[in-house]
Amino acid sequence: MLRIENLSVHYGGIHALQGASFEVPEGKIVTLIGANGAGKSTSLKAIVGLVKPSSGSITLNGESLVNLATKDIVRRGVVLAPEGRRIFPNLTTEENLELGAFARSDKAGVQADKHKMFQLFPRLEERRKQKAGTMSGGEQQMLAVARALMSRPKLLMMDEPSLGLAPLIVKMIFDIVRTIAAEGTTILLVEQNAKAALEIADYGYVLETGRITMSGPGKELLANDGVRKAYLGEGL
């Protein structure tokens, strides 16, 4: 579905991605793990057109996404739920969801999907008329994911969905990711909680200083001694 080949990104003199290559097959959960500054978020931003690659290719079902505007990438079914949630704090939960469907013209479908989001995230239905900025961090993260899903993405990219959340809320978020994937949405997950990410991922890649250094099925990486020492805090 999504293929990244020899992708390089520079921020001024900083070489943030250095020839990274990975792929996300349709219907799978793929995760990128790595330390802060490894290039994980940069990868997602390059895919969705928020940063311009220095070189390399990004293709979705054989079509290049490089040089497309972000809105056109979204219309092709690639959506990012960004780090830090980036909800609209002065708008209600319901208004945030409706903005997630900005590229759609099927009003009946949008209403149906809004109802579906309230089924998937019951807490959001309770808060539907509440300003998003007054909600808890966990509720805002649920809203960020639900807003992204309102565009009916083929590929949902999630950047640090567990950041700053209590363990119980983290478990809830990852259970929802499983549900979304089981319903047919392809997931590319960037996550510092490597254990939680690898437990649900079909396949994972390890990014270190802009390079892919290791890859394999999620369960295999979870059992890898190097990964356990570097990212799971084990065997030290």
Foldseek 3Di string as FASTA:
>chain_A
DKWWFQWWFDDVPATQAGGATDGFDFLFEEEEEEDPSLNRQVVLCCQLVVGATPDTFIDDVRHTPHPPHNVVSVLVFEFECEPPRPFDQQAFLQVLLVVLQVVDDPVVLLVVLVVVLCVLPVVSVVRRRPRLNPDDPLVSLSSSVSSPCSNVGLEYEYAASCPPHDPVSVVSVLVSVLVVSVVGRGYYYYHLLLLSSLVRGQKYFYGGSNYTDDIDGSVVLNPDPVSCVPRVVPPD
